[in-house]
Protein backbone atom coordinates (compact mmCIF):
# COMPACT_ATOMS: atom_id res chain seq x y z
CA MET A 1 27.03 47.23 54.67
CA ALA A 2 26.07 49.64 57.64
CA ILE A 3 27.32 49.19 61.25
CA ALA A 4 24.88 50.26 64.04
CA PRO A 5 26.13 53.74 65.24
CA HIS A 6 25.94 53.05 68.94
CA SER A 7 28.26 50.02 68.44
CA LEU A 8 31.28 52.14 67.15
CA GLU A 9 32.56 52.78 70.63
CA HIS A 10 33.27 49.04 71.06
CA LEU A 11 35.38 48.64 68.09
CA SER A 12 38.58 49.38 69.94
CA SER A 13 37.97 46.57 72.36
CA ILE A 14 37.31 43.83 69.67
CA SER A 15 40.21 41.29 69.30
CA HIS A 16 41.67 40.89 65.88
CA GLU A 17 40.42 37.38 65.70
CA VAL A 18 36.81 38.23 66.57
CA ALA A 19 36.76 41.19 63.99
CA ALA A 20 38.25 38.99 61.28
CA TRP A 21 35.75 36.31 61.82
CA VAL A 22 32.78 38.66 61.85
CA ALA A 23 34.10 40.19 58.61
CA GLU A 24 34.38 36.90 56.92
CA VAL A 25 30.79 35.88 58.05
CA ALA A 26 29.43 39.22 56.84
CA GLN A 27 30.94 38.55 53.47
CA LEU A 28 29.43 35.15 53.31
CA THR A 29 25.94 36.06 54.54
CA VAL A 30 25.72 39.59 53.13
CA PRO A 31 23.57 41.32 55.91
CA SER A 32 22.21 44.83 55.29
CA ALA A 33 23.67 45.92 58.72
CA VAL A 34 25.89 44.61 61.45
CA HIS A 35 24.97 45.25 65.06
CA TRP A 36 27.46 44.70 67.81
CA CYS A 37 25.57 43.99 70.89
CA ASP A 38 26.45 45.73 74.01
CA GLY A 39 24.23 43.83 76.35
CA SER A 40 22.73 46.94 77.84
CA ASP A 41 19.14 47.30 79.08
CA ALA A 42 18.49 50.01 76.47
CA GLU A 43 19.55 47.63 73.81
CA PHE A 44 17.14 44.94 75.15
CA ARG A 45 14.30 47.38 75.14
CA MET A 46 15.06 48.57 71.73
CA LEU A 47 15.02 45.09 70.44
CA GLN A 48 11.75 44.32 72.39
CA ARG A 49 10.13 47.46 70.76
CA GLY A 50 11.02 46.28 67.20
CA LEU A 51 9.70 42.81 67.60
CA VAL A 52 6.46 44.24 69.10
CA SER A 53 6.34 46.65 66.21
CA SER A 54 6.64 43.80 63.61
CA GLY A 55 4.20 41.71 65.45
CA GLU A 56 6.48 39.04 66.41
CA LEU A 57 6.45 39.73 70.15
CA ILE A 58 3.10 40.11 71.99
CA PRO A 59 3.02 42.26 75.16
CA LEU A 60 1.15 40.27 77.78
CA ASN A 61 -1.20 41.63 80.50
CA GLU A 62 0.92 44.41 82.23
CA SER A 63 -1.01 44.39 85.41
CA ALA A 64 -0.77 40.59 85.82
CA PHE A 65 2.47 39.89 84.09
CA PRO A 66 4.45 43.13 84.05
CA GLY A 67 7.41 43.13 81.48
CA CYS A 68 6.27 39.68 79.95
CA PHE A 69 5.90 38.91 76.28
CA LEU A 70 4.72 36.08 74.12
CA TYR A 71 6.57 34.69 71.14
CA ARG A 72 5.16 32.23 68.67
CA SER A 73 7.66 30.22 66.69
CA ASP A 74 6.90 28.56 63.43
CA PRO A 75 4.65 25.45 64.11
CA THR A 76 7.43 23.40 62.46
CA ASP A 77 10.10 24.78 64.70
CA VAL A 78 9.23 23.94 68.24
CA ALA A 79 11.87 21.65 69.80
CA ARG A 80 15.47 20.38 69.39
CA VAL A 81 16.11 18.48 66.36
CA GLU A 82 18.32 15.72 67.43
CA HIS A 83 17.84 13.92 64.15
CA LEU A 84 19.46 16.86 62.45
CA THR A 85 22.20 17.53 65.18
CA PHE A 86 25.81 16.38 64.19
CA VAL A 87 29.19 16.24 65.76
CA CYS A 88 31.73 16.80 63.19
CA THR A 89 35.19 15.26 64.10
CA ARG A 90 37.96 14.13 61.85
CA SER A 91 37.52 10.58 63.15
CA ARG A 92 34.10 9.24 63.22
CA ASP A 93 35.00 7.00 66.28
CA ASP A 94 35.71 10.27 68.22
CA ALA A 95 32.07 11.27 67.86
CA GLY A 96 30.93 7.83 68.83
CA PRO A 97 27.75 5.83 68.32
CA ASN A 98 26.01 8.24 70.69
CA ASN A 99 26.32 10.99 68.14
CA LEU A 100 25.41 11.43 64.55
CA TRP A 101 28.57 12.31 62.65
CA MET A 102 29.54 14.09 59.43
CA ALA A 103 32.96 14.80 58.19
CA PRO A 104 34.06 18.37 58.96
CA ALA A 105 34.71 19.36 55.21
CA GLU A 106 31.35 17.96 54.11
CA ALA A 107 29.60 19.79 57.05
CA HIS A 108 31.16 23.05 56.47
CA ARG A 109 30.53 22.92 52.59
CA LYS A 110 26.85 21.98 53.33
CA LEU A 111 26.29 24.82 55.86
CA ASP A 112 28.14 27.40 53.93
CA ASP A 113 26.12 26.75 50.83
CA LEU A 114 22.98 27.52 53.16
CA PHE A 115 24.52 30.59 54.78
CA ARG A 116 25.59 32.11 51.44
CA GLY A 117 23.58 35.41 51.09
CA CYS A 118 21.02 34.21 53.74
CA MET A 119 21.11 37.62 55.67
CA ARG A 120 20.23 39.89 52.76
CA GLY A 121 17.72 42.46 54.00
CA ARG A 122 18.51 41.48 57.71
CA THR A 123 20.61 42.76 60.52
CA MET A 124 23.49 40.61 61.46
CA TYR A 125 23.92 40.70 65.37
CA VAL A 126 27.23 39.86 67.06
CA ILE A 127 26.82 38.81 70.59
CA ALA A 128 29.86 38.32 72.62
CA TYR A 129 29.10 36.29 75.72
CA CYS A 130 30.54 34.60 78.69
CA MET A 131 29.27 31.20 80.22
CA GLY A 132 29.83 31.64 83.94
CA PRO A 133 30.65 34.51 86.12
CA LEU A 134 32.71 37.13 84.20
CA ASP A 135 35.49 37.13 86.70
CA SER A 136 35.67 33.46 86.98
CA PRO A 137 38.76 31.39 85.82
CA LEU A 138 36.25 28.54 85.29
CA ALA A 139 34.10 30.46 82.82
CA ARG A 140 34.54 30.38 78.95
CA CYS A 141 33.59 32.82 76.30
CA GLY A 142 31.88 32.72 72.99
CA VAL A 143 30.69 34.83 70.04
CA GLU A 144 27.38 34.10 68.46
CA ILE A 145 26.49 35.65 65.17
CA THR A 146 22.63 35.59 64.32
CA ASP A 147 20.03 37.33 62.26
CA SER A 148 17.48 36.83 65.06
CA PRO A 149 16.60 39.57 67.48
CA TYR A 150 14.55 37.01 69.43
CA VAL A 151 17.93 34.93 69.89
CA VAL A 152 19.49 38.20 71.15
CA LEU A 153 16.82 38.89 73.90
CA ASN A 154 17.11 35.21 74.93
CA MET A 155 20.94 35.38 75.11
CA HIS A 156 20.59 38.60 77.08
CA LEU A 157 18.67 36.69 79.79
CA MET A 158 20.69 33.35 79.49
CA THR A 159 24.29 34.52 79.54
CA ARG A 160 26.60 37.47 80.54
CA MET A 161 26.71 39.09 77.20
CA GLY A 162 28.17 42.38 75.70
CA ARG A 163 30.81 44.76 76.33
CA ALA A 164 32.45 42.86 79.29
CA ALA A 165 32.45 39.61 77.52
CA LEU A 166 34.04 41.11 74.51
CA GLU A 167 36.68 42.65 76.59
CA ARG A 168 37.53 39.25 78.31
CA ILE A 169 37.80 37.65 74.97
CA GLY A 170 40.21 40.43 73.84
CA ARG A 171 42.38 39.59 76.96
CA GLU A 172 42.26 35.87 76.56
CA GLY A 173 42.21 35.63 72.74
CA SER A 174 40.07 32.42 72.78
CA PHE A 175 36.35 31.96 72.11
CA VAL A 176 33.79 29.60 70.84
CA LYS A 177 32.52 30.59 67.31
CA GLY A 178 28.71 30.15 66.77
CA LEU A 179 27.11 31.02 63.61
CA HIS A 180 23.24 30.94 63.29
CA SER A 181 20.57 31.98 60.85
CA THR A 182 16.86 31.18 60.95
CA GLY A 183 17.10 30.87 57.22
CA GLU A 184 13.70 30.14 55.64
CA LEU A 185 12.64 28.14 58.63
CA ASP A 186 12.60 25.17 56.13
CA PRO A 187 12.74 21.68 58.01
CA ALA A 188 14.30 20.32 54.94
CA ARG A 189 17.13 23.01 55.18
CA ARG A 190 17.72 22.73 58.97
CA PHE A 191 21.10 21.41 60.44
CA ILE A 192 22.91 22.09 63.82
CA MET A 193 26.67 21.20 63.34
CA HIS A 194 29.25 21.21 66.11
CA PHE A 195 33.02 21.14 65.25
CA PRO A 196 34.66 20.40 68.64
CA GLU A 197 38.20 20.34 67.28
CA GLU A 198 37.54 23.80 65.86
CA SER A 199 35.47 25.28 68.80
CA THR A 200 32.77 26.14 66.29
CA ILE A 201 28.98 25.79 65.99
CA LYS A 202 26.87 26.28 62.82
CA SER A 203 23.11 26.32 63.06
CA PHE A 204 20.79 26.98 60.22
CA GLY A 205 17.04 26.87 59.62
CA SER A 206 15.69 26.90 63.17
CA GLY A 207 14.80 29.74 65.63
CA TYR A 208 13.80 27.45 68.50
CA GLY A 209 15.91 28.02 71.68
CA GLY A 210 17.68 24.61 71.95
CA ASN A 211 18.88 25.04 68.26
CA ALA A 212 19.33 28.68 68.13
CA LEU A 213 20.64 29.84 71.55
CA LEU A 214 24.15 28.61 70.83
CA GLY A 215 25.55 29.36 74.23
CA LYS A 216 23.14 26.71 75.77
CA LYS A 217 23.32 23.03 74.80
CA CYS A 218 25.52 23.61 71.84
CA HIS A 219 28.35 25.46 73.64
CA ALA A 220 27.73 24.74 77.29
CA LEU A 221 27.53 21.00 76.76
CA ARG A 222 28.45 19.53 73.38
CA ILE A 223 31.60 21.85 72.80
CA ALA A 224 32.40 22.35 76.52
CA SER A 225 32.42 18.69 77.18
CA TRP A 226 35.20 18.19 74.62
CA GLN A 227 36.95 21.31 76.06
CA ALA A 228 36.56 19.80 79.48
CA ARG A 229 38.18 16.51 78.57
CA ARG A 230 41.21 18.40 77.17
CA GLU A 231 41.48 20.71 80.16
CA GLY A 232 40.66 18.14 82.91
CA TRP A 233 37.06 19.12 84.12
CA LEU A 234 33.44 17.98 83.55
CA ALA A 235 30.73 19.76 81.60
CA GLU A 236 27.43 18.16 82.73
CA HIS A 237 23.62 18.30 82.26
CA MET A 238 23.09 18.90 85.93
CA LEU A 239 21.25 21.24 88.39
CA ILE A 240 23.16 22.69 91.14
CA ALA A 241 21.34 23.26 94.55
CA GLY A 242 22.52 24.38 97.95
CA ILE A 243 20.87 22.67 101.00
CA GLU A 244 20.81 24.81 104.20
CA SER A 245 20.24 23.10 107.33
CA PRO A 246 18.79 24.88 110.53
CA ASP A 247 22.31 25.30 111.95
CA GLY A 248 23.10 27.68 108.96
CA ARG A 249 25.43 25.07 107.12
CA THR A 250 24.88 24.83 103.38
CA ARG A 251 26.16 21.82 101.41
CA TYR A 252 25.77 21.55 97.55
CA VAL A 253 24.55 18.88 95.34
CA ALA A 254 24.70 18.41 91.54
CA CYS A 255 21.96 16.22 89.99
CA ALA A 256 21.40 14.73 86.63
CA PHE A 257 17.95 13.52 85.56
CA PRO A 258 16.66 12.74 82.04
CA SER A 259 13.56 14.77 80.85
CA ALA A 260 10.29 14.40 82.91
CA CYS A 261 12.10 13.36 86.01
CA GLY A 262 11.62 16.47 88.29
CA LYS A 263 14.93 18.28 87.58
CA THR A 264 13.73 21.85 87.78
CA ASN A 265 11.34 20.94 90.71
CA LEU A 266 14.30 19.64 92.66
CA ALA A 267 16.55 22.69 91.79
CA MET A 268 13.84 24.83 93.11
CA LEU A 269 12.46 22.66 95.88
CA ILE A 270 10.63 24.18 98.88
CA PRO A 271 11.14 22.47 102.12
CA PRO A 272 7.99 20.90 103.56
CA ALA A 273 6.49 22.25 106.81
CA SER A 274 7.86 19.29 108.72
CA TYR A 275 11.34 20.72 108.03
CA PRO A 276 11.39 24.06 109.72
CA GLY A 277 14.57 26.07 109.18
CA TRP A 278 15.69 24.27 106.14
CA LYS A 279 16.33 26.10 102.88
CA ILE A 280 17.07 25.19 99.20
CA TRP A 281 19.27 27.71 97.11
CA THR A 282 19.28 27.38 93.45
CA VAL A 283 22.58 27.89 91.82
CA GLY A 284 21.51 26.40 88.51
CA ASP A 285 18.63 24.41 87.08
CA ASP A 286 20.24 22.75 83.95
CA ILE A 287 24.00 22.75 83.35
CA ALA A 288 27.02 22.42 85.76
CA TRP A 289 30.66 22.92 84.98
CA LEU A 290 32.57 20.80 87.50
CA HIS A 291 36.35 21.52 88.27
CA PRO A 292 38.77 19.81 90.73
CA GLY A 293 39.94 22.30 93.43
CA ARG A 294 43.12 22.61 95.02
CA ASP A 295 41.76 21.18 98.17
CA GLY A 296 40.92 17.83 96.47
CA ARG A 297 37.20 18.53 96.15
CA LEU A 298 35.01 19.17 93.20
CA TYR A 299 33.78 22.65 92.51
CA ALA A 300 30.81 23.59 90.33
CA ILE A 301 29.65 26.79 88.42
CA ASN A 302 26.44 27.39 86.70
CA PRO A 303 27.52 28.77 83.16
CA GLU A 304 24.05 30.26 82.57
CA SER A 305 22.57 33.31 84.11
CA GLY A 306 18.86 32.48 83.36
CA TYR A 307 16.34 29.76 82.80
CA PHE A 308 14.99 28.33 79.61
CA GLY A 309 12.42 26.06 81.14
CA VAL A 310 9.37 23.94 80.01
CA VAL A 311 6.24 25.72 81.34
CA PRO A 312 3.40 23.20 81.13
CA GLY A 313 2.71 21.77 84.56
CA THR A 314 4.18 24.72 86.49
CA ASN A 315 1.83 25.97 89.14
CA PRO A 316 2.04 27.09 92.87
CA LYS A 317 1.76 23.47 93.98
CA THR A 318 4.31 21.79 91.66
CA ASN A 319 6.90 24.45 91.76
CA ARG A 320 5.93 27.75 93.53
CA ASN A 321 9.35 29.23 93.08
CA ALA A 322 9.35 28.72 89.21
CA TYR A 323 5.70 30.04 89.18
CA GLU A 324 6.72 33.26 91.14
CA THR A 325 9.86 33.66 88.97
CA ILE A 326 7.91 33.78 85.64
CA ARG A 327 5.29 36.31 86.78
CA ARG A 328 7.37 39.23 85.47
CA ASP A 329 10.14 40.12 83.05
CA THR A 330 9.69 36.79 81.25
CA ILE A 331 9.63 35.76 77.39
CA PHE A 332 7.10 33.09 76.93
CA THR A 333 7.38 30.96 73.91
CA ASN A 334 4.38 28.98 72.40
CA VAL A 335 2.00 29.11 75.37
CA ALA A 336 -1.64 29.84 74.91
CA LEU A 337 -3.34 33.22 75.69
CA THR A 338 -6.35 34.07 77.62
CA ALA A 339 -8.96 36.62 76.45
CA GLY A 340 -7.39 39.00 79.01
CA GLY A 341 -4.01 38.88 77.57
CA GLU A 342 -2.37 36.52 80.01
CA PRO A 343 -0.24 33.45 79.35
CA TRP A 344 -1.87 30.08 79.82
CA TRP A 345 -0.69 26.53 79.76
CA GLU A 346 -1.80 23.05 80.87
CA GLY A 347 -1.56 22.54 84.57
CA LEU A 348 -2.02 26.11 85.45
CA HIS A 349 -5.25 25.66 87.16
CA GLU A 350 -6.36 29.18 86.71
CA GLY A 351 -7.82 31.11 83.79
CA GLN A 352 -9.01 29.78 80.42
CA PRO A 353 -7.43 29.78 77.11
CA ALA A 354 -8.92 31.76 74.35
CA PHE A 355 -6.10 31.29 71.73
CA ASP A 356 -3.75 28.39 71.36
CA TRP A 357 -0.11 28.43 70.90
CA ARG A 358 -0.50 28.90 67.14
CA GLY A 359 -2.60 32.04 67.69
CA GLN A 360 -5.89 30.35 66.58
CA PRO A 361 -9.03 30.32 68.68
CA TYR A 362 -8.81 27.54 71.12
CA ASP A 363 -10.44 24.36 70.23
CA PRO A 364 -9.65 21.21 72.44
CA ALA A 365 -10.23 19.08 69.41
CA ASN A 366 -6.96 20.48 67.96
CA GLY A 367 -4.84 19.43 70.88
CA PRO A 368 -3.28 21.18 73.90
CA ALA A 369 -3.74 24.98 74.27
CA ALA A 370 -0.01 25.43 75.04
CA HIS A 371 2.52 23.52 73.08
CA PRO A 372 3.92 20.53 75.44
CA ASN A 373 7.49 22.02 74.79
CA SER A 374 6.50 25.73 75.45
CA ARG A 375 8.96 27.61 77.33
CA PHE A 376 9.81 30.49 79.57
CA THR A 377 12.97 32.62 79.58
CA VAL A 378 13.89 34.55 82.59
CA ALA A 379 16.85 35.79 84.51
CA ALA A 380 17.96 33.62 87.31
CA LYS A 381 17.98 36.49 89.64
CA ARG A 382 14.04 36.62 89.46
CA ASN A 383 14.01 33.19 91.36
CA PRO A 384 13.02 33.60 95.07
CA SER A 385 15.59 30.82 95.82
CA TYR A 386 18.35 32.53 93.80
CA THR A 387 21.79 32.63 95.66
CA ARG A 388 24.70 34.93 95.16
CA THR A 389 26.97 31.97 95.37
CA ALA A 390 25.86 31.47 91.83
CA GLU A 391 28.23 34.44 90.98
CA ASP A 392 31.16 32.88 93.03
CA PRO A 393 34.16 32.81 90.65
CA ASP A 394 35.48 29.72 92.33
CA GLY A 395 32.31 27.84 92.16
CA VAL A 396 30.65 25.90 95.03
CA PRO A 397 32.05 22.66 96.63
CA ILE A 398 29.93 19.60 95.74
CA SER A 399 29.15 17.21 98.44
CA ALA A 400 27.13 14.76 96.36
CA ILE A 401 26.38 13.83 92.87
CA VAL A 402 22.98 12.44 92.22
CA PHE A 403 21.71 10.54 89.17
CA GLY A 404 18.03 9.56 88.65
CA GLY A 405 15.56 7.99 86.43
CA ARG A 406 11.76 7.07 86.01
CA ARG A 407 11.37 3.50 86.88
CA ARG A 408 8.12 1.86 88.02
CA THR A 409 9.40 -1.02 89.84
CA LEU A 410 13.25 -1.77 89.49
CA ALA A 411 15.16 1.16 91.16
CA PRO A 412 14.76 1.84 94.86
CA LEU A 413 13.97 5.24 96.22
CA VAL A 414 17.66 5.97 96.87
CA TYR A 415 20.99 4.07 96.88
CA GLN A 416 24.64 5.08 97.18
CA ALA A 417 27.50 3.98 95.13
CA ARG A 418 30.36 2.09 96.69
CA SER A 419 33.09 4.29 95.16
CA TRP A 420 33.69 6.91 92.50
CA ASN A 421 34.17 4.37 89.81
CA HIS A 422 31.01 2.39 90.75
CA GLY A 423 29.22 5.78 90.71
CA VAL A 424 30.41 6.22 87.08
CA LEU A 425 28.78 2.82 86.33
CA VAL A 426 25.62 4.14 88.11
CA GLY A 427 25.69 7.24 85.95
CA ALA A 428 26.39 5.33 82.70
CA SER A 429 23.48 3.15 83.46
CA VAL A 430 20.85 5.80 83.85
CA ALA A 431 17.69 4.84 82.25
CA SER A 432 14.02 6.03 82.22
CA GLU A 433 10.73 4.33 81.19
CA THR A 434 8.67 6.21 78.81
CA THR A 435 4.98 7.06 79.69
CA ALA A 436 1.91 6.67 77.44
CA ALA A 437 1.55 10.40 77.20
CA ALA A 438 5.00 10.62 75.62
CA THR A 439 5.18 7.54 73.29
CA GLY A 440 1.80 5.78 73.30
CA GLU A 441 3.79 2.86 74.89
CA VAL A 442 4.38 2.40 78.69
CA GLY A 443 7.43 1.10 80.09
CA VAL A 444 10.06 1.27 77.20
CA VAL A 445 13.44 1.78 78.73
CA ARG A 446 15.71 4.34 77.28
CA ARG A 447 19.43 4.58 78.24
CA ASP A 448 20.48 8.09 78.88
CA PRO A 449 23.92 8.02 80.63
CA MET A 450 24.42 10.92 83.01
CA ALA A 451 21.34 12.41 81.22
CA MET A 452 23.92 13.41 78.52
CA LYS A 453 22.75 11.28 75.63
CA PRO A 454 21.81 14.12 73.43
CA PHE A 455 24.57 16.45 74.77
CA ALA A 456 27.90 14.67 74.91
CA GLY A 457 30.22 16.13 72.22
CA TYR A 458 32.22 12.83 71.83
CA ASN A 459 32.42 9.18 72.18
CA PHE A 460 30.62 7.98 75.42
CA GLY A 461 33.40 5.39 76.01
CA ASP A 462 36.02 8.23 76.16
CA TYR A 463 33.56 10.32 78.18
CA TRP A 464 33.25 7.63 81.02
CA ASP A 465 37.03 7.28 80.86
CA HIS A 466 37.43 10.91 81.41
CA TRP A 467 34.95 10.70 84.51
CA ILE A 468 37.14 7.96 85.91
CA LYS A 469 40.31 10.11 85.35
CA VAL A 470 38.79 13.10 87.04
CA GLY A 471 37.73 11.01 89.97
CA ALA A 472 41.37 9.68 90.33
CA ARG A 473 42.49 13.35 90.89
CA LEU A 474 40.21 14.10 93.72
CA GLU A 475 41.28 13.51 97.30
CA HIS A 476 37.77 14.13 98.57
CA PRO A 477 35.37 13.20 95.75
CA PRO A 478 31.63 13.76 96.13
CA GLN A 479 29.59 10.75 97.07
CA ILE A 480 27.45 9.48 94.22
CA PHE A 481 23.75 8.48 94.59
CA HIS A 482 20.82 7.34 92.44
CA VAL A 483 17.23 8.25 93.18
CA ASN A 484 13.89 7.07 91.65
CA TRP A 485 11.02 9.22 92.78
CA PHE A 486 8.59 7.35 90.66
CA ARG A 487 8.33 3.80 92.02
CA GLN A 488 4.77 2.49 91.80
CA GLY A 489 2.81 -0.05 93.74
CA ALA A 490 0.65 -2.80 92.27
CA ASP A 491 -2.14 -0.31 92.06
CA GLY A 492 -0.14 2.00 89.71
CA LYS A 493 0.10 4.71 92.35
CA TYR A 494 3.31 6.44 93.32
CA LEU A 495 4.79 5.11 96.61
CA TRP A 496 6.79 8.17 97.51
CA PRO A 497 5.02 11.55 97.83
CA GLY A 498 7.73 13.54 96.15
CA PHE A 499 8.10 17.13 95.67
CA GLY A 500 9.10 18.93 98.94
CA GLU A 501 9.38 15.53 100.65
CA ASN A 502 12.29 14.67 98.55
CA LEU A 503 14.34 16.73 101.03
CA ARG A 504 14.17 13.74 103.46
CA VAL A 505 16.05 11.76 100.90
CA LEU A 506 18.57 14.65 100.26
CA ARG A 507 19.15 14.89 103.82
CA TRP A 508 19.99 11.15 104.23
CA MET A 509 22.51 11.49 101.30
CA LEU A 510 24.26 14.44 102.96
CA ASP A 511 24.40 12.63 106.28
CA ARG A 512 25.98 9.76 104.53
CA CYS A 513 28.51 12.28 103.09
CA ASP A 514 29.32 13.29 106.61
CA GLY A 515 29.43 9.57 107.91
CA SER A 516 26.50 10.33 110.32
CA ALA A 517 23.80 8.12 108.73
CA GLY A 518 23.40 4.49 108.52
CA ALA A 519 23.02 2.19 105.59
CA VAL A 520 22.66 -1.43 104.65
CA ASP A 521 24.81 -3.25 102.09
CA THR A 522 23.03 -4.63 99.05
CA PRO A 523 24.24 -5.98 95.73
CA ILE A 524 23.55 -2.59 94.02
CA GLY A 525 25.03 -0.35 96.71
CA HIS A 526 24.21 1.02 100.13
CA LEU A 527 20.58 1.76 101.00
CA PRO A 528 18.88 3.34 104.04
CA GLY A 529 18.07 0.78 106.72
CA PRO A 530 14.61 0.61 108.27
CA THR A 531 15.26 3.65 110.57
CA ASP A 532 17.91 5.61 108.55
CA LEU A 533 15.42 7.37 106.34
CA ASP A 534 13.33 10.15 108.11
CA VAL A 535 9.77 9.28 107.36
CA HIS A 536 8.16 10.83 110.64
CA GLY A 537 4.81 12.52 109.75
CA LEU A 538 4.33 10.77 106.40
CA ASP A 539 1.39 8.47 105.99
CA LEU A 540 3.47 5.57 104.82
CA HIS A 541 2.74 2.05 105.87
CA GLU A 542 5.93 -0.01 106.76
CA SER A 543 5.24 -2.30 103.95
CA THR A 544 5.38 0.72 101.65
CA ILE A 545 8.75 1.85 102.91
CA GLU A 546 9.93 -1.80 102.33
CA GLU A 547 8.71 -1.82 98.85
CA LEU A 548 10.31 1.61 98.04
CA LEU A 549 13.67 0.23 99.22
CA ALA A 550 13.51 -3.24 97.85
CA VAL A 551 16.13 -4.64 95.59
CA ASP A 552 14.76 -7.62 93.40
CA ARG A 553 17.94 -9.70 92.59
CA ASP A 554 16.28 -11.42 89.67
CA ALA A 555 15.12 -8.10 88.12
CA TRP A 556 18.52 -6.54 88.67
CA ARG A 557 20.26 -9.47 87.01
CA GLY A 558 18.26 -8.80 83.92
CA GLU A 559 19.03 -5.10 84.16
CA PHE A 560 22.75 -5.70 84.43
CA ASP A 561 22.48 -7.97 81.30
CA ALA A 562 20.85 -4.99 79.46
CA ILE A 563 23.55 -2.62 80.78
CA GLY A 564 26.36 -4.86 79.70
CA ALA A 565 24.78 -5.16 76.16
CA TYR A 566 24.50 -1.38 76.06
CA LEU A 567 28.02 -0.61 77.22
CA GLY A 568 29.31 -3.20 74.84
CA GLU A 569 28.25 -1.14 72.04
CA TYR A 570 31.29 1.23 72.72
CA GLY A 571 33.66 -1.78 71.95
CA GLU A 572 37.30 -1.07 72.70
CA ARG A 573 36.52 2.50 73.82
CA LEU A 574 34.77 1.12 76.91
CA PRO A 575 37.07 1.81 79.89
CA GLN A 576 38.24 -1.47 81.48
CA ALA A 577 37.58 0.06 85.01
CA LEU A 578 33.87 0.42 84.06
CA ALA A 579 33.78 -3.06 82.71
CA ARG A 580 35.28 -4.36 86.04
CA GLU A 581 32.67 -2.45 88.02
CA LEU A 582 29.99 -4.06 85.83
CA HIS A 583 31.45 -7.44 86.45
CA GLU A 584 31.85 -7.15 90.19
CA SER A 585 28.15 -5.88 90.32
CA MET A 586 26.98 -9.01 88.62
CA GLN A 587 29.07 -11.16 90.86
CA ARG A 588 27.46 -9.54 93.90
CA LEU A 589 23.99 -10.24 92.43
CA HIS A 590 24.77 -13.92 91.99
CA ALA A 591 26.28 -14.38 95.36
CA ARG A 592 24.24 -15.88 98.09
């Protein structure tokens, strides 16, 4: 077995635990070579050239998209496979009904049988990486072993990887183990297994980012959420944004939304012309690690250093910052291609697709030109709204936590929780209604607590209890809110303009945090009064504003009945404090 010559200089900085594990994996998988990744730009370019030479990576039009490439995954391997994703704890109840479970011994046996000899004729890449700023005490490290150079390229953009991470692991001695192989890309031989009690991940048979970039959802959410409970912090599926007012003051919010609810757009929001002097700074677009600070506040870091975003629908109008971010030095996955070698996707509104995401001549009869889950991977520093506070080792102080979902009629535009524990109930109750485009049936309510349903690494009952315990430690906890940008009128049209105008709602929230904005008390929480929300300059009739902020008691009684039935699925693991909040909310709805 060969070791890449340039990597020999790193061997002195490798901890005994890492070296022993790599040797064990090499013996199992039998690669033809082992490459210790150093994270350098030269290594990045070398891997790019190799994938271009093999035809796996396609250079895009250099004048229009400099430094950009297209990668096409196997047509059977285009998204996360939640039905093949397991949490493997000794006790099934610890994984909870929110996760698929497999006994650890069985899972290891099943995966090791697949990994045995799977890297023959391939290079095994060893990626030491750090989730979070390298000098942050809030960051955590891992090592991913993979046979996919495409994974290495993406991890280069998404994490702080290479020599510095390896040195930190050597100092600390702890790291998350991640073993990945694309295998034969056979859907029948595809599994993603998490062993939170062992800080270990094993992924086989997929090359798609969410299944193969083990630093992302696998480590930063499923394993980290388990670590966070043990250590007293929160690992959450949240964006982090700084909101700077004209007086130069910046306050930070962390927001959790299910898919298709505008998460990336909010993270990169551009203030409307009616709000001169306001700025939005993107600390993170997807994941937040939240730690209690010594001053009694909650602080957040973004464990990632890049974006792995869904690209369809991105254009200068919907998200100008994202559009500008991906114009250079970006890896596109499963987008279409124009005749001039430029990437194309639905919603771009410029150019025409010549080849679809499979590489076939584009024919509308065969479906969308770009896959609906096509992606871009790009370094966060490319974002025009990037802020250096994303590298602050102590994190940024969070003033508000915001949950949201897509509801046509029930949820008002915005409301504030009465307390931290009430906010936990609000988060645990997050739900969205499906659209016809997604499921063929409109209005199916899907519960997605804290937008973590696919990502919590343990029983939701224990997870909510941990939220309550973290809140009890905070002398100055963030205020908690819920938003719904998607409320519709009887004509089926959205009542709220959305996009940049959402800053008006964020401003009310932050003013509430400061105690400088009014509100009215309702059975579900505090809502803006008739004059509390700034709607100056918007073409909104008074009746529209009333409808946006309406609370239908009868509809909410039905909602809380459904919430109670859902929470009841967690039996004895449901925290009593959360059950009390639900009971008190129902009492308020029935009171006259």
